[in-house]
Every structure is written in structure tokens, then in C-alpha cells.
């Protein structure tokens, strides 16, 4: 018996890999969940939008991107540590969103995409913050226009996601690390 829901984790996603998965389970599997862990090079977004994946009714994509590199900035006593932007990870996200926006409606409703942050911290993978990237929710658009989107992250549960345009509920979570991580403060808000 083949599964209705298949969850895979890959560090090197390829069209050949997705073709093999499609050949083995696409006829019986409705949802394919792909967790991409960026350990090495980040692939082009077309790999995640390839034809073999279109055989599945739903694709949940979790992007576990690398933490940004850190460097010292400033001079003398005003030196501080800043995060270098993750250009490859950001480029992947931009390509995925642009590719989906140019796709037909059937392809757009097939995909659910999340970015997962803090997944690589020891002992905290289960508490990793998931930010929903696709489909863009109406609440996210309103917050982005009001400027609040930077402080809050939309957290979505893949099991509770529906194909409707407006979700029945949302959750927000903000994690603050104080004193170099000695104190972790977690703020949650829920709307039902």
C-alpha cells in the first residue's frame, strides 16, 4: 500500500529525483511535502516548479535556509556584529514567488510554501518559526501595507491549511532573545 501523504527531506533537489518520486507514488499520493535543507548550493526555483511535481494534487514546500553569515562592522569602539544577507536563499524565494505568480490558477492553488527559521539551533528544531510565503494571505497584504509585517511572522499549520482565499484562523508569534540568548521571550497572539 502506498501513502496518501509523503514527506521527504533533501539537500540536493533535482528534477530527476522528483521524476523518480512521481513514477513511484504520484498515482496514489495526494500531498507531497518537501523539506529543503540548504546545506550546499541553493537550486534554481524551476526545480521546485518542474513538471513531475505537477502530478501531485498538493505540494507543501518548507525552505530551511542557511543562517546568514556574520561580520564585524564599524570602527574602533563602535564595532558591532551584523548579519550578511543570504543572497542565494532570498533569490530562491523571489524566483519561487515570481514563478507561481506567472503560473496558471491550478498550479497556484497546488502549492503551499513556508520559510523555516531557527531550525538549526540545537534542541529547538521543533520550535522553529514557520513563515508562510505562499499563498499570500489577505492579512499579510494588509500588514505589509501598514508596515507591521517586519515585526510579526505569520505561522501556519500545514494540516489546517485550506485552499480557500481567506483562512479561518491565524496565529502570530514573535521570539525575542535578550542578553545574547540568555533569556528567550516568546509572544503569541491568536485569532479564531
C-alpha atoms as a PDB file:
ATOM      1  CA  UNK A   1       0.000   0.000   0.000  1.00  0.00           C
ATOM      2  CA  UNK A   2       1.359   3.409  -0.973  1.00  0.00           C
ATOM      3  CA  UNK A   3       0.959   6.511   1.204  1.00  0.00           C
ATOM      4  CA  UNK A   4      -1.604   9.286   0.598  1.00  0.00           C
ATOM      5  CA  UNK A   5       0.834  11.768   2.163  1.00  0.00           C
ATOM      6  CA  UNK A   6       4.591  11.615   1.577  1.00  0.00           C
ATOM      7  CA  UNK A   7       7.164  13.729   3.392  1.00  0.00           C
ATOM      8  CA  UNK A   8      10.724  13.927   2.054  1.00  0.00           C
ATOM      9  CA  UNK A   9      13.809  15.878   3.099  1.00  0.00           C
ATOM     10  CA  UNK A  10      16.504  16.759   0.587  1.00  0.00           C
ATOM     11  CA  UNK A  11      19.683  18.806   0.463  1.00  0.00           C
ATOM     12  CA  UNK A  12      20.055  18.421  -3.304  1.00  0.00           C
ATOM     13  CA  UNK A  13      16.673  18.615  -5.048  1.00  0.00           C
ATOM     14  CA  UNK A  14      16.756  17.707  -8.725  1.00  0.00           C
ATOM     15  CA  UNK A  15      14.230  17.166 -11.486  1.00  0.00           C
ATOM     16  CA  UNK A  16      15.460  13.573 -11.721  1.00  0.00           C
ATOM     17  CA  UNK A  17      14.683  12.967  -8.034  1.00  0.00           C
ATOM     18  CA  UNK A  18      11.171  14.392  -8.407  1.00  0.00           C
ATOM     19  CA  UNK A  19      10.647  12.356 -11.596  1.00  0.00           C
ATOM     20  CA  UNK A  20      11.531   9.156  -9.736  1.00  0.00           C
ATOM     21  CA  UNK A  21       9.193  10.058  -6.853  1.00  0.00           C
ATOM     22  CA  UNK A  22       6.412  10.834  -9.330  1.00  0.00           C
ATOM     23  CA  UNK A  23       6.903   7.480 -11.069  1.00  0.00           C
ATOM     24  CA  UNK A  24       6.768   5.607  -7.757  1.00  0.00           C
ATOM     25  CA  UNK A  25       3.934   7.266  -5.828  1.00  0.00           C
ATOM     26  CA  UNK A  26       2.115  10.027  -7.769  1.00  0.00           C
ATOM     27  CA  UNK A  27      -0.793   7.761  -8.666  1.00  0.00           C
ATOM     28  CA  UNK A  28      -1.724   7.186  -5.005  1.00  0.00           C
ATOM     29  CA  UNK A  29      -0.178  10.111  -3.118  1.00  0.00           C
ATOM     30  CA  UNK A  30      -2.207  13.303  -2.859  1.00  0.00           C
ATOM     31  CA  UNK A  31       0.209  15.506  -0.897  1.00  0.00           C
ATOM     32  CA  UNK A  32       3.952  15.659  -1.312  1.00  0.00           C
ATOM     33  CA  UNK A  33       5.737  17.547   1.457  1.00  0.00           C
ATOM     34  CA  UNK A  34       9.280  18.638   0.578  1.00  0.00           C
ATOM     35  CA  UNK A  35      11.663  19.931   3.233  1.00  0.00           C
ATOM     36  CA  UNK A  36      14.639  21.592   1.540  1.00  0.00           C
ATOM     37  CA  UNK A  37      17.651  21.956   3.828  1.00  0.00           C
ATOM     38  CA  UNK A  38      20.178  24.359   2.329  1.00  0.00           C
ATOM     39  CA  UNK A  39      23.481  22.823   3.291  1.00  0.00           C
ATOM     40  CA  UNK A  40      25.261  23.279  -0.003  1.00  0.00           C
ATOM     41  CA  UNK A  41      24.230  25.199  -3.082  1.00  0.00           C
ATOM     42  CA  UNK A  42      20.712  26.605  -3.432  1.00  0.00           C
ATOM     43  CA  UNK A  43      18.972  25.344  -6.602  1.00  0.00           C
ATOM     44  CA  UNK A  44      17.059  27.427  -9.102  1.00  0.00           C
ATOM     45  CA  UNK A  45      13.344  27.710  -8.286  1.00  0.00           C
ATOM     46  CA  UNK A  46      12.402  25.905 -11.503  1.00  0.00           C
ATOM     47  CA  UNK A  47      13.417  22.643  -9.790  1.00  0.00           C
ATOM     48  CA  UNK A  48      10.535  23.068  -7.310  1.00  0.00           C
ATOM     49  CA  UNK A  49       8.115  24.055 -10.093  1.00  0.00           C
ATOM     50  CA  UNK A  50       9.080  21.253 -12.502  1.00  0.00           C
ATOM     51  CA  UNK A  51       6.580  19.154 -14.472  1.00  0.00           C
ATOM     52  CA  UNK A  52       6.905  15.933 -12.382  1.00  0.00           C
ATOM     53  CA  UNK A  53       5.688  17.773  -9.276  1.00  0.00           C
ATOM     54  CA  UNK A  54       2.576  18.910 -11.132  1.00  0.00           C
ATOM     55  CA  UNK A  55       1.320  15.314 -10.973  1.00  0.00           C
ATOM     56  CA  UNK A  56       0.597  15.728  -7.249  1.00  0.00           C
ATOM     57  CA  UNK A  57      -2.607  17.361  -6.021  1.00  0.00           C
ATOM     58  CA  UNK A  58      -0.774  19.395  -3.379  1.00  0.00           C
ATOM     59  CA  UNK A  59       2.857  20.307  -2.723  1.00  0.00           C
ATOM     60  CA  UNK A  60       3.958  21.620   0.682  1.00  0.00           C
ATOM     61  CA  UNK A  61       7.417  23.166   0.463  1.00  0.00           C
ATOM     62  CA  UNK A  62       9.437  24.025   3.581  1.00  0.00           C
ATOM     63  CA  UNK A  63      12.558  26.107   2.934  1.00  0.00           C
ATOM     64  CA  UNK A  64      15.120  25.539   5.686  1.00  0.00           C
ATOM     65  CA  UNK A  65      17.622  28.119   4.505  1.00  0.00           C
ATOM     66  CA  UNK A  66      21.064  28.761   5.960  1.00  0.00           C
ATOM     67  CA  UNK A  67      21.526  31.267   8.728  1.00  0.00           C
ATOM     68  CA  UNK A  68      23.166  34.438   7.471  1.00  0.00           C
ATOM     69  CA  UNK A  69      26.914  34.808   7.848  1.00  0.00           C
ATOM     70  CA  UNK A  70      28.052  37.370  10.420  1.00  0.00           C
ATOM     71  CA  UNK A  71      30.752  40.009  10.157  1.00  0.00           C
ATOM     72  CA  UNK A  72      32.096  42.921  12.155  1.00  0.00           C
ATOM     73  CA  UNK A  73      31.021  46.381  11.039  1.00  0.00           C
ATOM     74  CA  UNK A  74      32.083  49.807  12.201  1.00  0.00           C
ATOM     75  CA  UNK A  75      35.352  51.122  13.537  1.00  0.00           C
ATOM     76  CA  UNK A  76      37.045  51.251  16.923  1.00  0.00           C
ATOM     77  CA  UNK A  77      34.724  51.115  19.927  1.00  0.00           C
ATOM     78  CA  UNK A  78      31.605  51.290  17.749  1.00  0.00           C
ATOM     79  CA  UNK A  79      32.224  47.863  16.170  1.00  0.00           C
ATOM     80  CA  UNK A  80      29.261  45.528  16.157  1.00  0.00           C
ATOM     81  CA  UNK A  81      28.211  42.273  14.533  1.00  0.00           C
ATOM     82  CA  UNK A  82      25.840  42.399  11.569  1.00  0.00           C
ATOM     83  CA  UNK A  83      24.223  39.626   9.542  1.00  0.00           C
ATOM     84  CA  UNK A  84      25.172  39.369   5.884  1.00  0.00           C
ATOM     85  CA  UNK A  85      22.069  38.965   3.729  1.00  0.00           C
ATOM     86  CA  UNK A  86      21.589  35.431   2.401  1.00  0.00           C
ATOM     87  CA  UNK A  87      21.543  36.346  -1.279  1.00  0.00           C
ATOM     88  CA  UNK A  88      21.096  32.777  -2.569  1.00  0.00           C
ATOM     89  CA  UNK A  89      18.196  31.991  -0.224  1.00  0.00           C
ATOM     90  CA  UNK A  90      16.475  35.295  -0.916  1.00  0.00           C
ATOM     91  CA  UNK A  91      16.916  34.767  -4.660  1.00  0.00           C
ATOM     92  CA  UNK A  92      15.282  31.315  -4.372  1.00  0.00           C
ATOM     93  CA  UNK A  93      12.275  32.783  -2.539  1.00  0.00           C
ATOM     94  CA  UNK A  94      11.905  35.588  -5.089  1.00  0.00           C
ATOM     95  CA  UNK A  95      12.130  33.153  -8.016  1.00  0.00           C
ATOM     96  CA  UNK A  96       9.548  30.824  -6.444  1.00  0.00           C
ATOM     97  CA  UNK A  97       7.027  33.594  -5.775  1.00  0.00           C
ATOM     98  CA  UNK A  98       7.562  35.142  -9.224  1.00  0.00           C
ATOM     99  CA  UNK A  99       7.222  31.732 -10.891  1.00  0.00           C
ATOM    100  CA  UNK A 100       3.979  30.984  -9.043  1.00  0.00           C
ATOM    101  CA  UNK A 101       2.521  34.409  -9.806  1.00  0.00           C
ATOM    102  CA  UNK A 102       3.105  33.752 -13.524  1.00  0.00           C
ATOM    103  CA  UNK A 103       1.648  30.227 -13.337  1.00  0.00           C
ATOM    104  CA  UNK A 104      -1.927  29.217 -14.041  1.00  0.00           C
ATOM    105  CA  UNK A 105      -4.533  29.150 -11.265  1.00  0.00           C
ATOM    106  CA  UNK A 106      -4.367  25.356 -10.869  1.00  0.00           C
ATOM    107  CA  UNK A 107      -0.628  25.459 -10.172  1.00  0.00           C
ATOM    108  CA  UNK A 108      -1.024  28.377  -7.767  1.00  0.00           C
ATOM    109  CA  UNK A 109      -3.599  26.533  -5.652  1.00  0.00           C
ATOM    110  CA  UNK A 110      -1.465  23.391  -5.619  1.00  0.00           C
ATOM    111  CA  UNK A 111       1.464  24.948  -3.705  1.00  0.00           C
ATOM    112  CA  UNK A 112       1.936  25.896  -0.031  1.00  0.00           C
ATOM    113  CA  UNK A 113       5.358  27.388   0.787  1.00  0.00           C
ATOM    114  CA  UNK A 114       6.883  28.175   4.194  1.00  0.00           C
ATOM    115  CA  UNK A 115      10.246  29.562   5.215  1.00  0.00           C
ATOM    116  CA  UNK A 116      11.567  27.905   8.382  1.00  0.00           C
ATOM    117  CA  UNK A 117      13.884  29.947  10.635  1.00  0.00           C
ATOM    118  CA  UNK A 118      15.980  28.809  13.616  1.00  0.00           C
ATOM    119  CA  UNK A 119      15.671  25.164  12.581  1.00  0.00           C
ATOM    120  CA  UNK A 120      19.394  24.568  13.021  1.00  0.00           C
ATOM    121  CA  UNK A 121      19.696  25.643  16.655  1.00  0.00           C
ATOM    122  CA  UNK A 122      20.441  22.699  18.924  1.00  0.00           C
ATOM    123  CA  UNK A 123      17.311  21.460  20.687  1.00  0.00           C
ATOM    124  CA  UNK A 124      14.960  23.960  19.037  1.00  0.00           C
ATOM    125  CA  UNK A 125      14.066  22.407  15.678  1.00  0.00           C
ATOM    126  CA  UNK A 126      10.555  21.607  16.939  1.00  0.00           C
ATOM    127  CA  UNK A 127      10.065  25.290  17.873  1.00  0.00           C
ATOM    128  CA  UNK A 128      11.300  26.618  14.523  1.00  0.00           C
ATOM    129  CA  UNK A 129       9.405  29.657  13.303  1.00  0.00           C
ATOM    130  CA  UNK A 130       7.479  28.997  10.068  1.00  0.00           C
ATOM    131  CA  UNK A 131       6.655  31.995   7.906  1.00  0.00           C
ATOM    132  CA  UNK A 132       4.052  31.386   5.225  1.00  0.00           C
ATOM    133  CA  UNK A 133       5.232  32.667   1.856  1.00  0.00           C
ATOM    134  CA  UNK A 134       2.608  31.225  -0.498  1.00  0.00           C
ATOM    135  CA  UNK A 135      -0.258  31.681  -0.926  1.00  0.00           C
ATOM    136  CA  UNK A 136      -0.123  35.254   0.269  1.00  0.00           C
ATOM    137  CA  UNK A 137      -2.924  35.790   2.776  1.00  0.00           C
ATOM    138  CA  UNK A 138      -5.149  38.871   2.832  1.00  0.00           C
ATOM    139  CA  UNK A 139      -3.993  39.611   6.410  1.00  0.00           C
ATOM    140  CA  UNK A 140      -0.362  39.638   5.280  1.00  0.00           C
ATOM    141  CA  UNK A 141      -1.103  42.098   2.485  1.00  0.00           C
ATOM    142  CA  UNK A 142      -2.862  44.470   4.890  1.00  0.00           C
ATOM    143  CA  UNK A 143       0.002  44.289   7.395  1.00  0.00           C
ATOM    144  CA  UNK A 144       2.640  44.791   4.724  1.00  0.00           C
ATOM    145  CA  UNK A 145       0.901  47.964   3.599  1.00  0.00           C
ATOM    146  CA  UNK A 146       0.687  49.246   7.183  1.00  0.00           C
ATOM    147  CA  UNK A 147       4.341  48.415   7.945  1.00  0.00           C
ATOM    148  CA  UNK A 148       3.725  45.816  10.676  1.00  0.00           C
ATOM    149  CA  UNK A 149       4.883  42.822   8.646  1.00  0.00           C
ATOM    150  CA  UNK A 150       8.502  43.136   9.795  1.00  0.00           C
ATOM    151  CA  UNK A 151       7.745  42.625  13.474  1.00  0.00           C
ATOM    152  CA  UNK A 152       5.310  39.723  13.167  1.00  0.00           C
ATOM    153  CA  UNK A 153       5.589  36.447  11.303  1.00  0.00           C
ATOM    154  CA  UNK A 154       2.554  34.515  10.122  1.00  0.00           C
ATOM    155  CA  UNK A 155       2.687  30.946  11.336  1.00  0.00           C
ATOM    156  CA  UNK A 156       0.621  28.363   9.543  1.00  0.00           C
ATOM    157  CA  UNK A 157      -0.023  24.729  10.282  1.00  0.00           C
ATOM    158  CA  UNK A 158       0.120  22.639   7.095  1.00  0.00           C
ATOM    159  CA  UNK A 159      -2.608  20.304   8.350  1.00  0.00           C
ATOM    160  CA  UNK A 160      -5.019  23.192   8.941  1.00  0.00           C
ATOM    161  CA  UNK A 161      -4.388  24.903   5.598  1.00  0.00           C
ATOM    162  CA  UNK A 162      -7.314  25.016   3.228  1.00  0.00           C
ATOM    163  CA  UNK A 163      -7.469  26.044  -0.409  1.00  0.00           C
ATOM    164  CA  UNK A 164      -9.729  28.973   0.450  1.00  0.00           C
ATOM    165  CA  UNK A 165      -8.530  32.513  -0.132  1.00  0.00           C
ATOM    166  CA  UNK A 166      -9.086  33.656   3.464  1.00  0.00           C
ATOM    167  CA  UNK A 167      -8.113  31.385   6.391  1.00  0.00           C
ATOM    168  CA  UNK A 168     -10.461  30.634   9.256  1.00  0.00           C
ATOM    169  CA  UNK A 169      -7.808  31.482  11.845  1.00  0.00           C
ATOM    170  CA  UNK A 170      -4.276  32.778  12.092  1.00  0.00           C
ATOM    171  CA  UNK A 171      -1.528  32.732  14.658  1.00  0.00           C
ATOM    172  CA  UNK A 172       1.325  35.131  15.208  1.00  0.00           C
ATOM    173  CA  UNK A 173       4.480  34.521  17.137  1.00  0.00           C
ATOM    174  CA  UNK A 174       7.369  36.832  17.968  1.00  0.00           C
ATOM    175  CA  UNK A 175      10.551  35.473  19.520  1.00  0.00           C
ATOM    176  CA  UNK A 176      12.935  37.845  21.292  1.00  0.00           C
ATOM    177  CA  UNK A 177      16.381  36.878  22.532  1.00  0.00           C
ATOM    178  CA  UNK A 178      17.736  39.088  25.254  1.00  0.00           C
ATOM    179  CA  UNK A 179      21.220  39.244  26.778  1.00  0.00           C
ATOM    180  CA  UNK A 180      22.842  37.236  23.993  1.00  0.00           C
ATOM    181  CA  UNK A 181      20.268  34.464  24.107  1.00  0.00           C
ATOM    182  CA  UNK A 182      20.336  34.036  27.872  1.00  0.00           C
ATOM    183  CA  UNK A 183      16.652  34.990  28.043  1.00  0.00           C
ATOM    184  CA  UNK A 184      14.169  33.935  25.375  1.00  0.00           C
ATOM    185  CA  UNK A 185      10.832  35.742  25.276  1.00  0.00           C
ATOM    186  CA  UNK A 186       8.036  34.332  23.144  1.00  0.00           C
ATOM    187  CA  UNK A 187       4.923  36.379  22.399  1.00  0.00           C
ATOM    188  CA  UNK A 188       1.885  34.788  20.773  1.00  0.00           C
ATOM    189  CA  UNK A 189      -1.409  36.145  19.530  1.00  0.00           C
ATOM    190  CA  UNK A 190      -4.257  34.122  18.102  1.00  0.00           C
ATOM    191  CA  UNK A 191      -7.411  34.982  16.195  1.00  0.00           C
ATOM    192  CA  UNK A 192     -10.172  32.456  15.843  1.00  0.00           C
END
